[in-house]
């Protein structure tokens, strides 16, 4: 409705074709790095449509057990590769496409021009161990050597070493030892966060392994999960010490994109990696998919009216993204769990629409509500 009035479609492509969904598959979450992923499968257990990598000159997608490469300007099919493994992770840069198979510990390097395989190697031969793939970004794979020392005391990964492997040069870019009691998580696509038991939080550039900033947070005694919501100015990190089953909520288990959090919210400046603010939270739902062009964080959840009662009420909670202060914390019997955002950054306002009411927030051009 507010987009370009005379949009010109350059090309379109049906990735699924005549494939019908016959089954689905959940990829387990990598705590602090990736949420649980749902993939729709066809009758042969192959992904119906799975996109990636996407670069300026080409994009790839998986369908019917093959990898298809498309020219982004024309939509023309450049090449396709058959007999693609089901669990393949596809990444790439301007020259190569990388097929990564974590279960088989192998990487196949393809030429972008024609899809021909030019090399194949094992990640364990380069890293020196067979570990967990934490993150794949372009030509880089971030791997972790897991520690069993703290495995029983936390739901997050217990890591003793992190290694960054270059898929283009097939060597280790950097490696660093990690205290197994610390919690490691991704901060956006370029940084890592390492929070120690003492509360010291280090932000590290995952391309170089260099420390960017260090500050202290009031971390929960036990961190069971880490969730991050990012925009161009701020990374908001939620550290939770609450299991999903202990959270009082009227709906079924939300998990995934709307997890339960009792613990700490931390805001990190996306330009400097410095601490903006931190605040403790109790029994909230942290919506991971926040609007990118709004100066606030909007949360909605249900909780008991008082301790020891079964009566529930809805809470609409709006937090200033720059300062961490409450803008609105409205409790009531009406349901506020279902809502939509309507950001209008050019008009310095944001509308939150619910079933029977709408709330409009106005803010200054400096993004301060």
Protein backbone atom coordinates (compact mmCIF):
# COMPACT_ATOMS: atom_id res chain seq x y z
CA UNK A 1 0.00 0.00 0.00
CA UNK A 2 2.87 2.44 0.66
CA UNK A 3 5.36 0.98 -1.79
CA UNK A 4 6.37 2.10 -5.26
CA UNK A 5 3.15 2.91 -7.19
CA UNK A 6 4.37 1.61 -10.54
CA UNK A 7 6.63 -1.26 -9.62
CA UNK A 8 8.24 -3.09 -12.54
CA UNK A 9 8.70 -6.81 -12.09
CA UNK A 10 11.94 -7.87 -13.73
CA UNK A 11 11.36 -11.61 -13.43
CA UNK A 12 9.72 -14.24 -11.25
CA UNK A 13 10.37 -17.91 -10.66
CA UNK A 14 8.40 -20.72 -9.02
CA UNK A 15 11.01 -22.54 -6.94
CA UNK A 16 8.74 -25.36 -5.79
CA UNK A 17 7.30 -26.23 -9.21
CA UNK A 18 4.76 -29.01 -8.87
CA UNK A 19 6.23 -30.28 -5.62
CA UNK A 20 3.76 -30.77 -2.79
CA UNK A 21 4.60 -30.82 0.88
CA UNK A 22 4.50 -34.37 2.20
CA UNK A 23 6.52 -33.95 5.39
CA UNK A 24 8.61 -31.49 7.36
CA UNK A 25 11.90 -31.48 9.24
CA UNK A 26 13.12 -29.50 12.24
CA UNK A 27 16.79 -28.57 12.45
CA UNK A 28 17.72 -28.24 16.13
CA UNK A 29 18.70 -24.83 17.39
CA UNK A 30 22.32 -23.96 18.03
CA UNK A 31 21.95 -22.09 21.34
CA UNK A 32 22.97 -18.46 20.97
CA UNK A 33 23.55 -18.79 17.23
CA UNK A 34 20.46 -20.07 15.41
CA UNK A 35 16.82 -20.69 16.19
CA UNK A 36 15.15 -23.98 15.37
CA UNK A 37 14.56 -24.18 11.60
CA UNK A 38 11.56 -25.74 9.85
CA UNK A 39 12.05 -27.16 6.34
CA UNK A 40 9.16 -28.35 4.15
CA UNK A 41 9.92 -31.69 2.47
CA UNK A 42 8.55 -33.41 -0.63
CA UNK A 43 7.56 -37.09 -0.95
CA UNK A 44 11.24 -38.10 -1.21
CA UNK A 45 12.30 -36.20 1.94
CA UNK A 46 13.98 -33.41 -0.03
CA UNK A 47 13.61 -29.66 0.70
CA UNK A 48 10.87 -28.13 -1.45
CA UNK A 49 12.56 -24.73 -1.54
CA UNK A 50 15.56 -23.53 0.45
CA UNK A 51 17.34 -20.31 -0.54
CA UNK A 52 21.04 -19.50 -0.29
CA UNK A 53 23.56 -18.22 -0.94
CA UNK A 54 22.42 -14.83 -2.30
CA UNK A 55 25.07 -12.57 -3.82
CA UNK A 56 24.99 -9.50 -6.07
CA UNK A 57 25.41 -11.47 -9.29
CA UNK A 58 23.71 -14.77 -8.49
CA UNK A 59 21.45 -16.62 -6.09
CA UNK A 60 21.08 -20.33 -5.37
CA UNK A 61 18.18 -22.38 -4.09
CA UNK A 62 17.60 -26.06 -3.30
CA UNK A 63 14.62 -27.95 -4.69
CA UNK A 64 13.88 -31.57 -5.73
CA UNK A 65 17.29 -32.72 -4.55
CA UNK A 66 19.23 -30.28 -6.70
CA UNK A 67 20.97 -26.93 -6.36
CA UNK A 68 19.93 -24.31 -8.91
CA UNK A 69 21.94 -21.14 -9.62
CA UNK A 70 20.11 -18.09 -11.06
CA UNK A 71 21.37 -14.81 -12.53
CA UNK A 72 19.90 -12.09 -10.28
CA UNK A 73 19.47 -9.51 -13.04
CA UNK A 74 17.63 -11.67 -15.56
CA UNK A 75 16.36 -14.70 -13.64
CA UNK A 76 18.11 -16.93 -16.18
CA UNK A 77 19.24 -20.33 -14.93
CA UNK A 78 23.03 -20.45 -15.03
CA UNK A 79 23.45 -24.08 -13.92
CA UNK A 80 22.04 -26.80 -11.69
CA UNK A 81 23.63 -29.60 -9.72
CA UNK A 82 21.84 -32.88 -8.98
CA UNK A 83 22.00 -35.38 -6.10
CA UNK A 84 22.33 -32.69 -3.45
CA UNK A 85 22.58 -34.07 0.11
CA UNK A 86 19.52 -33.31 2.26
CA UNK A 87 21.38 -31.63 5.11
CA UNK A 88 23.67 -29.50 2.92
CA UNK A 89 24.35 -25.93 4.03
CA UNK A 90 24.99 -23.70 1.01
CA UNK A 91 27.13 -20.59 1.31
CA UNK A 92 29.21 -18.56 -1.10
CA UNK A 93 31.10 -15.45 -2.15
CA UNK A 94 31.62 -13.72 -5.48
CA UNK A 95 33.64 -16.59 -6.98
CA UNK A 96 32.56 -19.85 -5.32
CA UNK A 97 29.61 -21.72 -3.86
CA UNK A 98 30.39 -23.90 -0.83
CA UNK A 99 28.38 -27.05 -0.05
CA UNK A 100 28.90 -27.84 3.63
CA UNK A 101 27.81 -31.17 5.12
CA UNK A 102 28.36 -31.00 8.90
CA UNK A 103 27.31 -34.62 9.49
CA UNK A 104 29.80 -35.91 6.93
CA UNK A 105 32.43 -33.33 7.94
CA UNK A 106 32.96 -32.32 4.32
CA UNK A 107 32.97 -29.20 2.13
CA UNK A 108 32.67 -29.17 -1.67
CA UNK A 109 33.76 -26.01 -3.49
CA UNK A 110 31.92 -25.14 -6.73
CA UNK A 111 32.69 -22.52 -9.37
CA UNK A 112 29.99 -19.87 -9.66
CA UNK A 113 30.41 -19.69 -13.44
CA UNK A 114 29.38 -23.28 -14.24
CA UNK A 115 28.85 -25.11 -10.93
CA UNK A 116 31.81 -27.43 -11.49
CA UNK A 117 33.41 -28.94 -8.37
CA UNK A 118 36.96 -27.67 -8.01
CA UNK A 119 37.93 -29.06 -4.59
CA UNK A 120 36.71 -31.05 -1.60
CA UNK A 121 38.07 -31.17 1.96
CA UNK A 122 37.18 -32.01 5.57
CA UNK A 123 36.68 -29.31 8.17
CA UNK A 124 38.23 -31.51 10.87
CA UNK A 125 41.50 -31.76 8.90
CA UNK A 126 41.81 -27.97 9.00
CA UNK A 127 40.48 -27.24 12.49
CA UNK A 128 42.24 -30.19 14.11
CA UNK A 129 39.03 -31.53 15.68
CA UNK A 130 35.53 -32.52 14.63
CA UNK A 131 33.32 -29.94 16.29
CA UNK A 132 29.99 -28.14 16.07
CA UNK A 133 29.35 -25.67 13.22
CA UNK A 134 28.19 -22.51 14.95
CA UNK A 135 27.84 -20.13 12.03
CA UNK A 136 28.36 -20.07 8.26
CA UNK A 137 28.86 -16.66 6.66
CA UNK A 138 30.05 -16.27 3.08
CA UNK A 139 33.47 -17.91 2.82
CA UNK A 140 33.85 -18.43 6.58
CA UNK A 141 32.79 -21.21 8.99
CA UNK A 142 32.88 -20.73 12.73
CA UNK A 143 33.43 -24.00 14.60
CA UNK A 144 33.45 -24.93 18.28
CA UNK A 145 35.20 -27.68 20.15
CA UNK A 146 32.70 -28.72 22.79
CA UNK A 147 33.52 -29.42 26.43
CA UNK A 148 31.74 -32.07 28.48
CA UNK A 149 32.78 -30.52 31.80
CA UNK A 150 29.75 -28.24 32.13
CA UNK A 151 27.30 -30.08 29.87
CA UNK A 152 24.99 -31.14 32.72
CA UNK A 153 24.73 -27.70 34.29
CA UNK A 154 23.51 -25.65 31.34
CA UNK A 155 21.27 -25.91 28.27
CA UNK A 156 23.64 -23.78 26.17
CA UNK A 157 26.78 -25.05 24.47
CA UNK A 158 29.83 -25.59 26.64
CA UNK A 159 32.78 -24.62 24.45
CA UNK A 160 36.51 -25.00 25.07
CA UNK A 161 37.80 -23.59 21.76
CA UNK A 162 36.52 -21.54 18.81
CA UNK A 163 38.08 -21.80 15.35
CA UNK A 164 37.36 -19.72 12.26
CA UNK A 165 37.98 -21.63 9.00
CA UNK A 166 38.34 -19.94 5.60
CA UNK A 167 36.54 -22.00 2.95
CA UNK A 168 38.41 -20.25 0.14
CA UNK A 169 41.98 -20.70 1.38
CA UNK A 170 41.21 -23.88 3.37
CA UNK A 171 43.07 -22.78 6.48
CA UNK A 172 42.45 -21.51 10.02
CA UNK A 173 41.97 -17.73 10.14
CA UNK A 174 42.09 -17.56 13.93
CA UNK A 175 41.61 -19.74 16.98
CA UNK A 176 40.89 -18.93 20.63
CA UNK A 177 40.52 -20.91 23.85
CA UNK A 178 37.30 -20.33 25.81
CA UNK A 179 36.44 -20.99 29.46
CA UNK A 180 33.93 -23.90 29.31
CA UNK A 181 31.84 -22.12 31.99
CA UNK A 182 31.42 -19.06 29.75
CA UNK A 183 28.51 -18.57 27.35
CA UNK A 184 29.27 -17.84 23.68
CA UNK A 185 26.70 -16.33 21.31
CA UNK A 186 26.42 -14.45 18.01
CA UNK A 187 25.91 -10.68 18.04
CA UNK A 188 24.55 -9.93 14.58
CA UNK A 189 26.48 -11.42 11.66
CA UNK A 190 29.94 -9.99 12.38
CA UNK A 191 30.52 -10.24 16.14
CA UNK A 192 30.67 -12.83 18.89
CA UNK A 193 29.76 -12.28 22.52
CA UNK A 194 31.51 -14.19 25.32
CA UNK A 195 30.05 -13.67 28.79
CA UNK A 196 32.04 -15.15 31.66
CA UNK A 197 30.79 -16.36 35.06
CA UNK A 198 32.02 -13.12 36.63
CA UNK A 199 29.73 -11.11 34.34
CA UNK A 200 32.52 -9.82 32.12
CA UNK A 201 31.22 -9.65 28.54
CA UNK A 202 33.68 -9.50 25.65
CA UNK A 203 32.64 -8.59 22.09
CA UNK A 204 34.90 -10.19 19.47
CA UNK A 205 35.11 -9.63 15.71
CA UNK A 206 34.46 -13.09 14.27
CA UNK A 207 36.43 -12.26 11.10
CA UNK A 208 39.69 -11.50 12.90
CA UNK A 209 39.20 -12.84 16.42
CA UNK A 210 40.15 -9.44 17.83
CA UNK A 211 38.43 -8.13 20.95
CA UNK A 212 36.39 -4.98 20.20
CA UNK A 213 35.02 -4.05 23.61
CA UNK A 214 34.64 -5.32 27.17
CA UNK A 215 32.09 -4.44 29.85
CA UNK A 216 30.39 -6.01 32.86
CA UNK A 217 26.76 -7.19 32.98
CA UNK A 218 24.56 -8.50 35.78
CA UNK A 219 24.27 -11.94 34.23
CA UNK A 220 21.87 -14.55 35.64
CA UNK A 221 23.45 -17.21 37.81
CA UNK A 222 22.60 -19.78 35.13
CA UNK A 223 22.10 -18.96 31.45
CA UNK A 224 19.77 -21.45 29.77
CA UNK A 225 19.26 -19.54 26.51
CA UNK A 226 20.46 -16.48 24.59
CA UNK A 227 18.32 -14.55 22.07
CA UNK A 228 19.33 -11.51 19.99
CA UNK A 229 17.17 -8.92 18.19
CA UNK A 230 19.21 -6.55 15.98
CA UNK A 231 18.70 -3.44 13.92
CA UNK A 232 21.09 -0.92 12.35
CA UNK A 233 21.83 0.85 15.65
CA UNK A 234 21.42 -1.69 18.46
CA UNK A 235 21.77 -5.38 19.31
CA UNK A 236 19.40 -6.31 22.14
CA UNK A 237 20.54 -9.53 23.86
CA UNK A 238 18.27 -11.53 26.19
CA UNK A 239 19.93 -13.88 28.70
CA UNK A 240 17.38 -16.27 30.19
CA UNK A 241 17.63 -18.57 33.20
CA UNK A 242 14.04 -19.84 32.90
CA UNK A 243 12.95 -23.09 31.29
CA UNK A 244 9.91 -22.84 29.00
CA UNK A 245 7.84 -25.15 31.22
CA UNK A 246 8.17 -22.85 34.25
CA UNK A 247 6.87 -19.74 32.50
CA UNK A 248 3.26 -18.81 33.29
CA UNK A 249 1.61 -18.26 29.93
CA UNK A 250 -1.92 -18.89 28.73
CA UNK A 251 -0.86 -20.04 25.28
CA UNK A 252 0.87 -23.24 24.30
CA UNK A 253 4.66 -23.27 24.31
CA UNK A 254 5.78 -20.33 22.19
CA UNK A 255 9.47 -21.14 21.88
CA UNK A 256 11.25 -20.18 18.68
CA UNK A 257 10.67 -16.54 17.77
CA UNK A 258 8.85 -15.56 20.99
CA UNK A 259 10.79 -17.28 23.80
CA UNK A 260 10.26 -16.98 27.55
CA UNK A 261 12.88 -14.90 29.35
CA UNK A 262 13.59 -14.35 33.01
CA UNK A 263 17.01 -12.82 33.41
CA UNK A 264 18.67 -9.86 31.72
CA UNK A 265 18.25 -7.62 28.66
CA UNK A 266 21.46 -6.02 27.38
CA UNK A 267 21.66 -3.41 24.58
CA UNK A 268 24.93 -3.18 22.62
CA UNK A 269 25.70 -0.30 20.25
CA UNK A 270 25.90 -1.75 16.72
CA UNK A 271 28.61 0.73 15.66
CA UNK A 272 30.96 0.76 18.67
CA UNK A 273 30.06 -2.51 20.50
CA UNK A 274 29.77 -0.49 23.72
CA UNK A 275 27.13 -1.14 26.38
CA UNK A 276 24.06 1.11 26.02
CA UNK A 277 21.98 -0.24 28.91
CA UNK A 278 20.99 -3.33 30.82
CA UNK A 279 17.94 -4.26 32.88
CA UNK A 280 16.60 -7.34 34.62
CA UNK A 281 13.30 -8.83 33.43
CA UNK A 282 10.95 -11.36 34.98
CA UNK A 283 8.69 -13.78 33.09
CA UNK A 284 8.41 -11.89 29.80
CA UNK A 285 8.14 -13.02 26.19
CA UNK A 286 11.01 -11.63 24.12
CA UNK A 287 9.85 -11.14 20.53
CA UNK A 288 12.97 -11.76 18.41
CA UNK A 289 11.50 -10.21 15.23
CA UNK A 290 11.32 -6.57 16.27
CA UNK A 291 10.62 -3.80 13.71
CA UNK A 292 13.95 -2.59 12.32
CA UNK A 293 12.97 1.06 11.90
CA UNK A 294 11.32 1.69 15.27
CA UNK A 295 13.12 3.27 18.27
CA UNK A 296 11.46 0.92 20.73
CA UNK A 297 11.09 -2.75 21.63
CA UNK A 298 7.53 -4.07 21.79
CA UNK A 299 6.76 -7.15 23.92
CA UNK A 300 3.46 -8.85 24.62
CA UNK A 301 2.83 -11.73 27.02
CA UNK A 302 0.48 -13.17 29.61
CA UNK A 303 1.16 -13.72 33.28
CA UNK A 304 -0.74 -14.45 36.48
CA UNK A 305 -2.50 -11.50 38.13
CA UNK A 306 -0.85 -12.26 41.46
CA UNK A 307 1.33 -14.90 43.08
CA UNK A 308 -0.47 -18.17 43.73
CA UNK A 309 -3.48 -17.44 41.50
CA UNK A 310 -4.46 -19.04 38.20
CA UNK A 311 -6.12 -15.91 36.82
CA UNK A 312 -4.17 -14.54 33.84
CA UNK A 313 -3.92 -11.10 32.29
CA UNK A 314 -2.26 -9.67 29.20
CA UNK A 315 0.70 -7.29 29.31
CA UNK A 316 1.75 -4.90 26.54
CA UNK A 317 5.30 -3.78 27.31
CA UNK A 318 7.15 -1.14 25.27
CA UNK A 319 10.80 -0.30 26.04
CA UNK A 320 12.94 2.57 24.74
CA UNK A 321 15.60 0.94 22.55
CA UNK A 322 18.18 3.67 23.29
CA UNK A 323 17.81 3.96 27.09
CA UNK A 324 16.09 0.76 28.23
CA UNK A 325 13.38 2.72 30.06
CA UNK A 326 9.71 1.75 29.97
CA UNK A 327 7.54 3.75 27.60
CA UNK A 328 4.40 1.73 28.31
CA UNK A 329 3.62 -1.20 30.59
CA UNK A 330 -0.10 -1.84 30.32
CA UNK A 331 -1.75 -4.72 32.13
CA UNK A 332 -5.37 -5.74 31.62
CA UNK A 333 -7.86 -8.54 31.12
CA UNK A 334 -8.11 -7.99 27.38
CA UNK A 335 -5.86 -9.98 25.08
CA UNK A 336 -2.84 -8.08 23.76
CA UNK A 337 -0.96 -11.17 22.64
CA UNK A 338 -1.86 -10.73 18.96
CA UNK A 339 -0.76 -7.46 17.39
CA UNK A 340 0.91 -6.03 14.30
CA UNK A 341 3.45 -3.25 13.85
CA UNK A 342 2.96 -0.36 11.46
CA UNK A 343 6.20 1.66 11.59
CA UNK A 344 6.23 5.00 9.74
CA UNK A 345 9.81 6.13 10.25
CA UNK A 346 9.50 8.97 7.71
CA UNK A 347 6.61 10.38 9.77
CA UNK A 348 8.27 9.66 13.14
CA UNK A 349 5.48 7.45 14.42
CA UNK A 350 4.67 3.82 15.12
CA UNK A 351 1.24 2.19 15.34
CA UNK A 352 0.56 -1.02 17.27
CA UNK A 353 -2.72 -2.55 16.14
CA UNK A 354 -4.60 -5.14 18.18
CA UNK A 355 -7.99 -6.77 17.65
CA UNK A 356 -10.08 -3.97 19.18
CA UNK A 357 -7.69 -1.08 19.75
CA UNK A 358 -4.70 0.72 18.30
CA UNK A 359 -1.86 2.58 20.03
CA UNK A 360 0.12 5.27 18.23
CA UNK A 361 3.57 6.39 19.40
CA UNK A 362 5.30 9.49 18.08
CA UNK A 363 9.01 10.13 18.44
CA UNK A 364 11.58 12.74 17.52
CA UNK A 365 13.78 12.46 14.41
CA UNK A 366 16.66 11.54 16.73
CA UNK A 367 14.87 8.25 17.40
CA UNK A 368 14.06 9.01 21.05
CA UNK A 369 10.43 8.16 21.98
